[in-house]
Amino acid sequence: MAFVAKTAKGLNRVLMDESIVADRLTVHISEVGPGLRAHPPHTHTGIEGFYILEGQGAVELGDERQTVGPNELVLVGAETLHGLANVGEGVLRYMVIIARP
């Protein structure tokens, strides 16, 4: 087996085992300013994780909302309406990890 290099938003390089089906796992870094979000709440297949690197966010899952901060991880069933908004005064920087069936 060998590694292949991929690109991902916010990362210098991603090395991936060539035997992995590329579209089953997505990883990237996002940044949003105070009071903003990268996109509206949405749904899709699989599991989505938000790992907070910097700032304060609010993760929405259906009608529930949880505040999250640095070094915290939230995993959601992505078939339920979900999203992440910056509720802090500074930049919200986070890693998104999506695993699809």
PDB file of N, CA and C in Angstrom:
ATOM      1  N   MET A   1       0.826  -1.185   0.000  1.00  0.00           N
ATOM      2  CA  MET A   1       0.000   0.000   0.000  1.00  0.00           C
ATOM      3  C   MET A   1       0.872   1.251   0.000  1.00  0.00           C
ATOM      4  N   ALA A   2       0.252   2.372  -0.379  1.00  0.00           N
ATOM      5  CA  ALA A   2       0.980   3.638  -0.439  1.00  0.00           C
ATOM      6  C   ALA A   2       0.056   4.779  -0.025  1.00  0.00           C
ATOM      7  N   PHE A   3       0.656   5.918   0.298  1.00  0.00           N
ATOM      8  CA  PHE A   3      -0.101   7.116   0.607  1.00  0.00           C
ATOM      9  C   PHE A   3      -0.305   7.931  -0.660  1.00  0.00           C
ATOM     10  N   VAL A   4      -1.437   8.613  -0.728  1.00  0.00           N
ATOM     11  CA  VAL A   4      -1.667   9.610  -1.767  1.00  0.00           C
ATOM     12  C   VAL A   4      -1.899  10.939  -1.066  1.00  0.00           C
ATOM     13  N   ALA A   5      -1.456  12.014  -1.680  1.00  0.00           N
ATOM     14  CA  ALA A   5      -1.638  13.344  -1.107  1.00  0.00           C
ATOM     15  C   ALA A   5      -2.929  13.944  -1.638  1.00  0.00           C
ATOM     16  N   LYS A   6      -3.710  14.524  -0.748  1.00  0.00           N
ATOM     17  CA  LYS A   6      -4.977  15.175  -1.094  1.00  0.00           C
ATOM     18  C   LYS A   6      -4.939  16.599  -0.570  1.00  0.00           C
ATOM     19  N   THR A   7      -5.829  17.406  -1.053  1.00  0.00           N
ATOM     20  CA  THR A   7      -5.965  18.759  -0.535  1.00  0.00           C
ATOM     21  C   THR A   7      -7.260  18.858   0.253  1.00  0.00           C
ATOM     22  N   ALA A   8      -7.266  19.735   1.244  1.00  0.00           N
ATOM     23  CA  ALA A   8      -8.469  19.985   2.032  1.00  0.00           C
ATOM     24  C   ALA A   8      -8.405  21.413   2.545  1.00  0.00           C
ATOM     25  N   LYS A   9      -9.532  22.070   2.561  1.00  0.00           N
ATOM     26  CA  LYS A   9      -9.606  23.462   3.016  1.00  0.00           C
ATOM     27  C   LYS A   9      -8.989  23.604   4.406  1.00  0.00           C
ATOM     28  N   GLY A  10      -8.062  24.545   4.543  1.00  0.00           N
ATOM     29  CA  GLY A  10      -7.465  24.851   5.830  1.00  0.00           C
ATOM     30  C   GLY A  10      -6.314  23.963   6.261  1.00  0.00           C
ATOM     31  N   LEU A  11      -5.983  22.946   5.484  1.00  0.00           N
ATOM     32  CA  LEU A  11      -4.891  22.026   5.831  1.00  0.00           C
ATOM     33  C   LEU A  11      -3.781  22.133   4.791  1.00  0.00           C
ATOM     34  N   ASN A  12      -2.542  22.051   5.242  1.00  0.00           N
ATOM     35  CA  ASN A  12      -1.417  22.099   4.311  1.00  0.00           C
ATOM     36  C   ASN A  12      -1.346  20.865   3.428  1.00  0.00           C
ATOM     37  N   ARG A  13      -1.632  19.706   4.013  1.00  0.00           N
ATOM     38  CA  ARG A  13      -1.549  18.465   3.259  1.00  0.00           C
ATOM     39  C   ARG A  13      -2.328  17.394   3.988  1.00  0.00           C
ATOM     40  N   VAL A  14      -2.924  16.512   3.227  1.00  0.00           N
ATOM     41  CA  VAL A  14      -3.600  15.334   3.771  1.00  0.00           C
ATOM     42  C   VAL A  14      -2.966  14.123   3.103  1.00  0.00           C
ATOM     43  N   LEU A  15      -2.440  13.215   3.913  1.00  0.00           N
ATOM     44  CA  LEU A  15      -1.918  11.954   3.389  1.00  0.00           C
ATOM     45  C   LEU A  15      -2.939  10.869   3.668  1.00  0.00           C
ATOM     46  N   MET A  16      -3.298  10.130   2.629  1.00  0.00           N
ATOM     47  CA  MET A  16      -4.348   9.134   2.761  1.00  0.00           C
ATOM     48  C   MET A  16      -3.884   7.805   2.188  1.00  0.00           C
ATOM     49  N   ASP A  17      -4.167   6.747   2.908  1.00  0.00           N
ATOM     50  CA  ASP A  17      -3.920   5.394   2.401  1.00  0.00           C
ATOM     51  C   ASP A  17      -4.692   5.253   1.094  1.00  0.00           C
ATOM     52  N   GLU A  18      -4.028   4.863   0.027  1.00  0.00           N
ATOM     53  CA  GLU A  18      -4.668   4.791  -1.284  1.00  0.00           C
ATOM     54  C   GLU A  18      -5.826   3.794  -1.339  1.00  0.00           C
ATOM     55  N   SER A  19      -5.922   2.892  -0.362  1.00  0.00           N
ATOM     56  CA  SER A  19      -7.008   1.909  -0.386  1.00  0.00           C
ATOM     57  C   SER A  19      -8.329   2.465   0.163  1.00  0.00           C
ATOM     58  N   ILE A  20      -8.289   3.678   0.747  1.00  0.00           N
ATOM     59  CA  ILE A  20      -9.495   4.289   1.296  1.00  0.00           C
ATOM     60  C   ILE A  20     -10.294   4.930   0.172  1.00  0.00           C
ATOM     61  N   VAL A  21     -11.588   4.702   0.176  1.00  0.00           N
ATOM     62  CA  VAL A  21     -12.469   5.344  -0.797  1.00  0.00           C
ATOM     63  C   VAL A  21     -12.579   6.815  -0.403  1.00  0.00           C
ATOM     64  N   ALA A  22     -12.079   7.698  -1.257  1.00  0.00           N
ATOM     65  CA  ALA A  22     -11.880   9.110  -0.912  1.00  0.00           C
ATOM     66  C   ALA A  22     -13.151   9.830  -0.472  1.00  0.00           C
ATOM     67  N   ASP A  23     -14.283   9.585  -1.078  1.00  0.00           N
ATOM     68  CA  ASP A  23     -15.482  10.366  -0.739  1.00  0.00           C
ATOM     69  C   ASP A  23     -16.213   9.857   0.503  1.00  0.00           C
ATOM     70  N   ARG A  24     -15.713   8.823   1.147  1.00  0.00           N
ATOM     71  CA  ARG A  24     -16.346   8.328   2.377  1.00  0.00           C
ATOM     72  C   ARG A  24     -15.940   9.127   3.607  1.00  0.00           C
ATOM     73  N   LEU A  25     -14.807   9.826   3.536  1.00  0.00           N
ATOM     74  CA  LEU A  25     -14.349  10.610   4.675  1.00  0.00           C
ATOM     75  C   LEU A  25     -13.898  11.985   4.180  1.00  0.00           C
ATOM     76  N   THR A  26     -14.465  13.026   4.777  1.00  0.00           N
ATOM     77  CA  THR A  26     -14.097  14.399   4.451  1.00  0.00           C
ATOM     78  C   THR A  26     -13.577  15.063   5.710  1.00  0.00           C
ATOM     79  N   VAL A  27     -12.462  15.772   5.597  1.00  0.00           N
ATOM     80  CA  VAL A  27     -11.880  16.507   6.714  1.00  0.00           C
ATOM     81  C   VAL A  27     -11.448  17.872   6.193  1.00  0.00           C
ATOM     82  N   HIS A  28     -11.792  18.934   6.911  1.00  0.00           N
ATOM     83  CA  HIS A  28     -11.300  20.264   6.572  1.00  0.00           C
ATOM     84  C   HIS A  28     -11.386  21.175   7.789  1.00  0.00           C
ATOM     85  N   ILE A  29     -10.739  22.332   7.687  1.00  0.00           N
ATOM     86  CA  ILE A  29     -10.762  23.349   8.743  1.00  0.00           C
ATOM     87  C   ILE A  29     -11.587  24.520   8.233  1.00  0.00           C
ATOM     88  N   SER A  30     -12.484  25.014   9.070  1.00  0.00           N
ATOM     89  CA  SER A  30     -13.285  26.194   8.729  1.00  0.00           C
ATOM     90  C   SER A  30     -13.051  27.284   9.761  1.00  0.00           C
ATOM     91  N   GLU A  31     -13.210  28.523   9.336  1.00  0.00           N
ATOM     92  CA  GLU A  31     -13.133  29.693  10.214  1.00  0.00           C
ATOM     93  C   GLU A  31     -14.302  30.596   9.890  1.00  0.00           C
ATOM     94  N   VAL A  32     -14.977  31.074  10.934  1.00  0.00           N
ATOM     95  CA  VAL A  32     -16.062  32.037  10.746  1.00  0.00           C
ATOM     96  C   VAL A  32     -15.937  33.136  11.794  1.00  0.00           C
ATOM     97  N   GLY A  33     -16.322  34.330  11.411  1.00  0.00           N
ATOM     98  CA  GLY A  33     -16.249  35.468  12.305  1.00  0.00           C
ATOM     99  C   GLY A  33     -17.403  35.497  13.293  1.00  0.00           C
ATOM    100  N   PRO A  34     -17.325  36.416  14.256  1.00  0.00           N
ATOM    101  CA  PRO A  34     -18.360  36.552  15.285  1.00  0.00           C
ATOM    102  C   PRO A  34     -19.753  36.735  14.670  1.00  0.00           C
ATOM    103  N   GLY A  35     -20.712  35.988  15.208  1.00  0.00           N
ATOM    104  CA  GLY A  35     -22.093  36.093  14.759  1.00  0.00           C
ATOM    105  C   GLY A  35     -22.384  35.421  13.429  1.00  0.00           C
ATOM    106  N   LEU A  36     -21.404  34.723  12.859  1.00  0.00           N
ATOM    107  CA  LEU A  36     -21.573  34.113  11.527  1.00  0.00           C
ATOM    108  C   LEU A  36     -21.553  32.592  11.605  1.00  0.00           C
ATOM    109  N   ARG A  37     -21.850  31.985  10.483  1.00  0.00           N
ATOM    110  CA  ARG A  37     -21.762  30.531  10.303  1.00  0.00           C
ATOM    111  C   ARG A  37     -21.303  30.264   8.880  1.00  0.00           C
ATOM    112  N   ALA A  38     -20.712  29.107   8.652  1.00  0.00           N
ATOM    113  CA  ALA A  38     -20.219  28.760   7.315  1.00  0.00           C
ATOM    114  C   ALA A  38     -21.377  28.543   6.336  1.00  0.00           C
ATOM    115  N   HIS A  39     -22.493  28.003   6.826  1.00  0.00           N
ATOM    116  CA  HIS A  39     -23.676  27.755   5.999  1.00  0.00           C
ATOM    117  C   HIS A  39     -24.858  27.488   6.920  1.00  0.00           C
ATOM    118  N   PRO A  40     -26.083  27.550   6.396  1.00  0.00           N
ATOM    119  CA  PRO A  40     -27.256  27.309   7.241  1.00  0.00           C
ATOM    120  C   PRO A  40     -27.314  25.850   7.714  1.00  0.00           C
ATOM    121  N   PRO A  41     -28.091  25.582   8.767  1.00  0.00           N
ATOM    122  CA  PRO A  41     -28.293  24.190   9.180  1.00  0.00           C
ATOM    123  C   PRO A  41     -28.735  23.341   7.982  1.00  0.00           C
ATOM    124  N   HIS A  42     -28.288  22.106   7.966  1.00  0.00           N
ATOM    125  CA  HIS A  42     -28.507  21.248   6.806  1.00  0.00           C
ATOM    126  C   HIS A  42     -28.555  19.780   7.236  1.00  0.00           C
ATOM    127  N   THR A  43     -28.826  18.904   6.286  1.00  0.00           N
ATOM    128  CA  THR A  43     -28.800  17.455   6.514  1.00  0.00           C
ATOM    129  C   THR A  43     -28.033  16.789   5.373  1.00  0.00           C
ATOM    130  N   HIS A  44     -27.512  15.616   5.656  1.00  0.00           N
ATOM    131  CA  HIS A  44     -26.865  14.765   4.656  1.00  0.00           C
ATOM    132  C   HIS A  44     -26.667  13.392   5.288  1.00  0.00           C
ATOM    133  N   THR A  45     -26.182  12.457   4.549  1.00  0.00           N
ATOM    134  CA  THR A  45     -25.961  11.123   5.091  1.00  0.00           C
ATOM    135  C   THR A  45     -24.714  11.096   5.956  1.00  0.00           C
ATOM    136  N   GLY A  46     -24.631  10.105   6.823  1.00  0.00           N
ATOM    137  CA  GLY A  46     -23.416   9.862   7.587  1.00  0.00           C
ATOM    138  C   GLY A  46     -23.385  10.495   8.959  1.00  0.00           C
ATOM    139  N   ILE A  47     -22.164  10.647   9.453  1.00  0.00           N
ATOM    140  CA  ILE A  47     -21.885  11.221  10.771  1.00  0.00           C
ATOM    141  C   ILE A  47     -20.991  12.431  10.546  1.00  0.00           C
ATOM    142  N   GLU A  48     -21.263  13.530  11.270  1.00  0.00           N
ATOM    143  CA  GLU A  48     -20.424  14.718  11.154  1.00  0.00           C
ATOM    144  C   GLU A  48     -19.885  15.081  12.525  1.00  0.00           C
ATOM    145  N   GLY A  49     -18.613  15.431  12.556  1.00  0.00           N
ATOM    146  CA  GLY A  49     -17.980  15.863  13.792  1.00  0.00           C
ATOM    147  C   GLY A  49     -17.464  17.276  13.660  1.00  0.00           C
ATOM    148  N   PHE A  50     -17.591  18.036  14.752  1.00  0.00           N
ATOM    149  CA  PHE A  50     -17.030  19.383  14.840  1.00  0.00           C
ATOM    150  C   PHE A  50     -16.039  19.377  15.998  1.00  0.00           C
ATOM    151  N   TYR A  51     -14.758  19.557  15.697  1.00  0.00           N
ATOM    152  CA  TYR A  51     -13.727  19.651  16.729  1.00  0.00           C
ATOM    153  C   TYR A  51     -13.315  21.115  16.806  1.00  0.00           C
ATOM    154  N   ILE A  52     -13.566  21.750  17.949  1.00  0.00           N
ATOM    155  CA  ILE A  52     -13.332  23.177  18.098  1.00  0.00           C
ATOM    156  C   ILE A  52     -11.853  23.421  18.419  1.00  0.00           C
ATOM    157  N   LEU A  53     -11.202  24.205  17.580  1.00  0.00           N
ATOM    158  CA  LEU A  53      -9.800  24.559  17.756  1.00  0.00           C
ATOM    159  C   LEU A  53      -9.647  25.886  18.497  1.00  0.00           C
ATOM    160  N   GLU A  54     -10.551  26.828  18.204  1.00  0.00           N
ATOM    161  CA  GLU A  54     -10.439  28.170  18.777  1.00  0.00           C
ATOM    162  C   GLU A  54     -11.813  28.840  18.740  1.00  0.00           C
ATOM    163  N   GLY A  55     -12.148  29.573  19.790  1.00  0.00           N
ATOM    164  CA  GLY A  55     -13.387  30.344  19.819  1.00  0.00           C
ATOM    165  C   GLY A  55     -14.525  29.625  20.522  1.00  0.00           C
ATOM    166  N   GLN A  56     -15.708  30.214  20.404  1.00  0.00           N
ATOM    167  CA  GLN A  56     -16.914  29.673  21.040  1.00  0.00           C
ATOM    168  C   GLN A  56     -17.992  29.478  19.975  1.00  0.00           C
ATOM    169  N   GLY A  57     -18.592  28.306  19.977  1.00  0.00           N
ATOM    170  CA  GLY A  57     -19.638  28.009  19.005  1.00  0.00           C
ATOM    171  C   GLY A  57     -20.880  27.458  19.666  1.00  0.00           C
ATOM    172  N   ALA A  58     -21.928  27.389  18.893  1.00  0.00           N
ATOM    173  CA  ALA A  58     -23.163  26.729  19.315  1.00  0.00           C
ATOM    174  C   ALA A  58     -23.503  25.710  18.240  1.00  0.00           C
ATOM    175  N   VAL A  59     -23.520  24.441  18.631  1.00  0.00           N
ATOM    176  CA  VAL A  59     -23.877  23.360  17.718  1.00  0.00           C
ATOM    177  C   VAL A  59     -25.371  23.110  17.863  1.00  0.00           C
ATOM    178  N   GLU A  60     -26.050  23.052  16.715  1.00  0.00           N
ATOM    179  CA  GLU A  60     -27.486  22.797  16.692  1.00  0.00           C
ATOM    180  C   GLU A  60     -27.733  21.402  16.145  1.00  0.00           C
ATOM    181  N   LEU A  61     -28.598  20.664  16.813  1.00  0.00           N
ATOM    182  CA  LEU A  61     -29.017  19.340  16.358  1.00  0.00           C
ATOM    183  C   LEU A  61     -30.515  19.261  16.578  1.00  0.00           C
ATOM    184  N   GLY A  62     -31.282  19.360  15.491  1.00  0.00           N
ATOM    185  CA  GLY A  62     -32.732  19.440  15.631  1.00  0.00           C
ATOM    186  C   GLY A  62     -33.082  20.668  16.446  1.00  0.00           C
ATOM    187  N   ASP A  63     -33.828  20.481  17.547  1.00  0.00           N
ATOM    188  CA  ASP A  63     -34.224  21.592  18.418  1.00  0.00           C
ATOM    189  C   ASP A  63     -33.241  21.846  19.554  1.00  0.00           C
ATOM    190  N   GLU A  64     -32.188  21.033  19.660  1.00  0.00           N
ATOM    191  CA  GLU A  64     -31.224  21.189  20.748  1.00  0.00           C
ATOM    192  C   GLU A  64     -30.057  22.062  20.309  1.00  0.00           C
ATOM    193  N   ARG A  65     -29.509  22.786  21.272  1.00  0.00           N
ATOM    194  CA  ARG A  65     -28.349  23.670  21.021  1.00  0.00           C
ATOM    195  C   ARG A  65     -27.378  23.524  22.185  1.00  0.00           C
ATOM    196  N   GLN A  66     -26.100  23.270  21.876  1.00  0.00           N
ATOM    197  CA  GLN A  66     -25.061  23.117  22.887  1.00  0.00           C
ATOM    198  C   GLN A  66     -23.927  24.092  22.579  1.00  0.00           C
ATOM    199  N   THR A  67     -23.457  24.793  23.615  1.00  0.00           N
ATOM    200  CA  THR A  67     -22.307  25.670  23.464  1.00  0.00           C
ATOM    201  C   THR A  67     -21.040  24.833  23.570  1.00  0.00           C
ATOM    202  N   VAL A  68     -20.074  25.112  22.689  1.00  0.00           N
ATOM    203  CA  VAL A  68     -18.815  24.361  22.662  1.00  0.00           C
ATOM    204  C   VAL A  68     -17.642  25.324  22.559  1.00  0.00           C
ATOM    205  N   GLY A  69     -16.476  24.873  23.044  1.00  0.00           N
ATOM    206  CA  GLY A  69     -15.270  25.687  23.006  1.00  0.00           C
ATOM    207  C   GLY A  69     -14.057  24.850  22.656  1.00  0.00           C
ATOM    208  N   PRO A  70     -12.872  25.434  22.777  1.00  0.00           N
ATOM    209  CA  PRO A  70     -11.635  24.766  22.369  1.00  0.00           C
ATOM    210  C   PRO A  70     -11.440  23.384  23.008  1.00  0.00           C
ATOM    211  N   ASN A  71     -10.919  22.483  22.206  1.00  0.00           N
ATOM    212  CA  ASN A  71     -10.621  21.107  22.593  1.00  0.00           C
ATOM    213  C   ASN A  71     -11.872  20.308  22.947  1.00  0.00           C
ATOM    214  N   GLU A  72     -13.002  20.687  22.345  1.00  0.00           N
ATOM    215  CA  GLU A  72     -14.242  19.921  22.503  1.00  0.00           C
ATOM    216  C   GLU A  72     -14.669  19.397  21.142  1.00  0.00           C
ATOM    217  N   LEU A  73     -15.275  18.220  21.164  1.00  0.00           N
ATOM    218  CA  LEU A  73     -15.729  17.537  19.947  1.00  0.00           C
ATOM    219  C   LEU A  73     -17.199  17.204  20.083  1.00  0.00           C
ATOM    220  N   VAL A  74     -17.952  17.453  19.023  1.00  0.00           N
ATOM    221  CA  VAL A  74     -19.366  17.077  18.970  1.00  0.00           C
ATOM    222  C   VAL A  74     -19.555  16.191  17.748  1.00  0.00           C
ATOM    223  N   LEU A  75     -20.198  15.047  17.924  1.00  0.00           N
ATOM    224  CA  LEU A  75     -20.525  14.137  16.826  1.00  0.00           C
ATOM    225  C   LEU A  75     -22.030  14.100  16.671  1.00  0.00           C
ATOM    226  N   VAL A  76     -22.514  14.245  15.429  1.00  0.00           N
ATOM    227  CA  VAL A  76     -23.956  14.244  15.185  1.00  0.00           C
ATOM    228  C   VAL A  76     -24.302  13.272  14.074  1.00  0.00           C
ATOM    229  N   GLY A  77     -25.499  12.703  14.182  1.00  0.00           N
ATOM    230  CA  GLY A  77     -26.075  11.941  13.079  1.00  0.00           C
ATOM    231  C   GLY A  77     -26.536  12.962  12.052  1.00  0.00           C
ATOM    232  N   ALA A  78     -25.879  13.007  10.905  1.00  0.00           N
ATOM    233  CA  ALA A  78     -26.068  14.100   9.956  1.00  0.00           C
ATOM    234  C   ALA A  78     -27.411  14.079   9.234  1.00  0.00           C
ATOM    235  N   GLU A  79     -28.195  13.024   9.417  1.00  0.00           N
ATOM    236  CA  GLU A  79     -29.522  12.995   8.811  1.00  0.00           C
ATOM    237  C   GLU A  79     -30.485  13.935   9.536  1.00  0.00           C
ATOM    238  N   THR A  80     -30.123  14.346  10.764  1.00  0.00           N
ATOM    239  CA  THR A  80     -30.908  15.316  11.536  1.00  0.00           C
ATOM    240  C   THR A  80     -30.387  16.714  11.201  1.00  0.00           C
ATOM    241  N   LEU A  81     -31.280  17.689  11.103  1.00  0.00           N
ATOM    242  CA  LEU A  81     -30.889  19.067  10.813  1.00  0.00           C
ATOM    243  C   LEU A  81     -29.841  19.522  11.829  1.00  0.00           C
ATOM    244  N   HIS A  82     -28.695  19.988  11.342  1.00  0.00           N
ATOM    245  CA  HIS A  82     -27.596  20.366  12.223  1.00  0.00           C
ATOM    246  C   HIS A  82     -26.808  21.535  11.647  1.00  0.00           C
ATOM    247  N   GLY A  83     -26.085  22.233  12.533  1.00  0.00           N
ATOM    248  CA  GLY A  83     -25.259  23.349  12.098  1.00  0.00           C
ATOM    249  C   GLY A  83     -24.379  23.834  13.235  1.00  0.00           C
ATOM    250  N   LEU A  84     -23.547  24.807  12.935  1.00  0.00           N
ATOM    251  CA  LEU A  84     -22.625  25.377  13.911  1.00  0.00           C
ATOM    252  C   LEU A  84     -22.531  26.873  13.651  1.00  0.00           C
ATOM    253  N   ALA A  85     -22.724  27.665  14.698  1.00  0.00           N
ATOM    254  CA  ALA A  85     -22.645  29.126  14.593  1.00  0.00           C
ATOM    255  C   ALA A  85     -21.613  29.649  15.573  1.00  0.00           C
ATOM    256  N   ASN A  86     -20.967  30.746  15.217  1.00  0.00           N
ATOM    257  CA  ASN A  86     -20.017  31.410  16.102  1.00  0.00           C
ATOM    258  C   ASN A  86     -20.817  32.295  17.056  1.00  0.00           C
ATOM    259  N   VAL A  87     -20.737  31.994  18.354  1.00  0.00           N
ATOM    260  CA  VAL A  87     -21.441  32.796  19.362  1.00  0.00           C
ATOM    261  C   VAL A  87     -20.461  33.574  20.233  1.00  0.00           C
ATOM    262  N   GLY A  88     -19.187  33.580  19.856  1.00  0.00           N
ATOM    263  CA  GLY A  88     -18.167  34.287  20.622  1.00  0.00           C
ATOM    264  C   GLY A  88     -17.846  35.643  20.020  1.00  0.00           C
ATOM    265  N   GLU A  89     -16.882  36.310  20.636  1.00  0.00           N
ATOM    266  CA  GLU A  89     -16.464  37.636  20.175  1.00  0.00           C
ATOM    267  C   GLU A  89     -15.299  37.586  19.203  1.00  0.00           C
ATOM    268  N   GLY A  90     -14.643  36.419  19.088  1.00  0.00           N
ATOM    269  CA  GLY A  90     -13.519  36.260  18.169  1.00  0.00           C
ATOM    270  C   GLY A  90     -13.838  35.247  17.093  1.00  0.00           C
ATOM    271  N   VAL A  91     -12.811  34.868  16.366  1.00  0.00           N
ATOM    272  CA  VAL A  91     -12.943  33.883  15.291  1.00  0.00           C
ATOM    273  C   VAL A  91     -13.260  32.506  15.884  1.00  0.00           C
ATOM    274  N   LEU A  92     -14.133  31.770  15.223  1.00  0.00           N
ATOM    275  CA  LEU A  92     -14.393  30.365  15.541  1.00  0.00           C
ATOM    276  C   LEU A  92     -13.659  29.540  14.493  1.00  0.00           C
ATOM    277  N   ARG A  93     -12.701  28.731  14.943  1.00  0.00           N
ATOM    278  CA  ARG A  93     -11.910  27.873  14.048  1.00  0.00           C
ATOM    279  C   ARG A  93     -12.145  26.442  14.467  1.00  0.00           C
ATOM    280  N   TYR A  94     -12.558  25.610  13.506  1.00  0.00           N
ATOM    281  CA  TYR A  94     -12.927  24.241  13.853  1.00  0.00           C
ATOM    282  C   TYR A  94     -12.643  23.285  12.702  1.00  0.00           C
ATOM    283  N   MET A  95     -12.448  22.023  13.070  1.00  0.00           N
ATOM    284  CA  MET A  95     -12.257  20.964  12.090  1.00  0.00           C
ATOM    285  C   MET A  95     -13.596  20.263  11.882  1.00  0.00           C
ATOM    286  N   VAL A  96     -13.903  20.013  10.626  1.00  0.00           N
ATOM    287  CA  VAL A  96     -15.104  19.257  10.260  1.00  0.00           C
ATOM    288  C   VAL A  96     -14.646  17.885   9.785  1.00  0.00           C
ATOM    289  N   ILE A  97     -15.294  16.850  10.302  1.00  0.00           N
ATOM    290  CA  ILE A  97     -15.003  15.477   9.907  1.00  0.00           C
ATOM    291  C   ILE A  97     -16.333  14.839   9.537  1.00  0.00           C
ATOM    292  N   ILE A  98     -16.460  14.392   8.283  1.00  0.00           N
ATOM    293  CA  ILE A  98     -17.701  13.759   7.832  1.00  0.00           C
ATOM    294  C   ILE A  98     -17.380  12.349   7.357  1.00  0.00           C
ATOM    295  N   ALA A  99     -18.053  11.368   7.961  1.00  0.00           N
ATOM    296  CA  ALA A  99     -17.923   9.964   7.556  1.00  0.00           C
ATOM    297  C   ALA A  99     -19.241   9.550   6.908  1.00  0.00           C
ATOM    298  N   ARG A 100     -19.162   9.115   5.667  1.00  0.00           N
ATOM    299  CA  ARG A 100     -20.358   8.716   4.926  1.00  0.00           C
ATOM    300  C   ARG A 100     -20.403   7.182   4.822  1.00  0.00           C
ATOM    301  N   PRO A 101     -21.618   6.659   4.733  1.00  0.00           N
ATOM    302  CA  PRO A 101     -21.746   5.198   4.628  1.00  0.00           C
ATOM    303  C   PRO A 101     -21.173   4.651   3.322  1.00  0.00           C
TER     304      PRO A 101
END
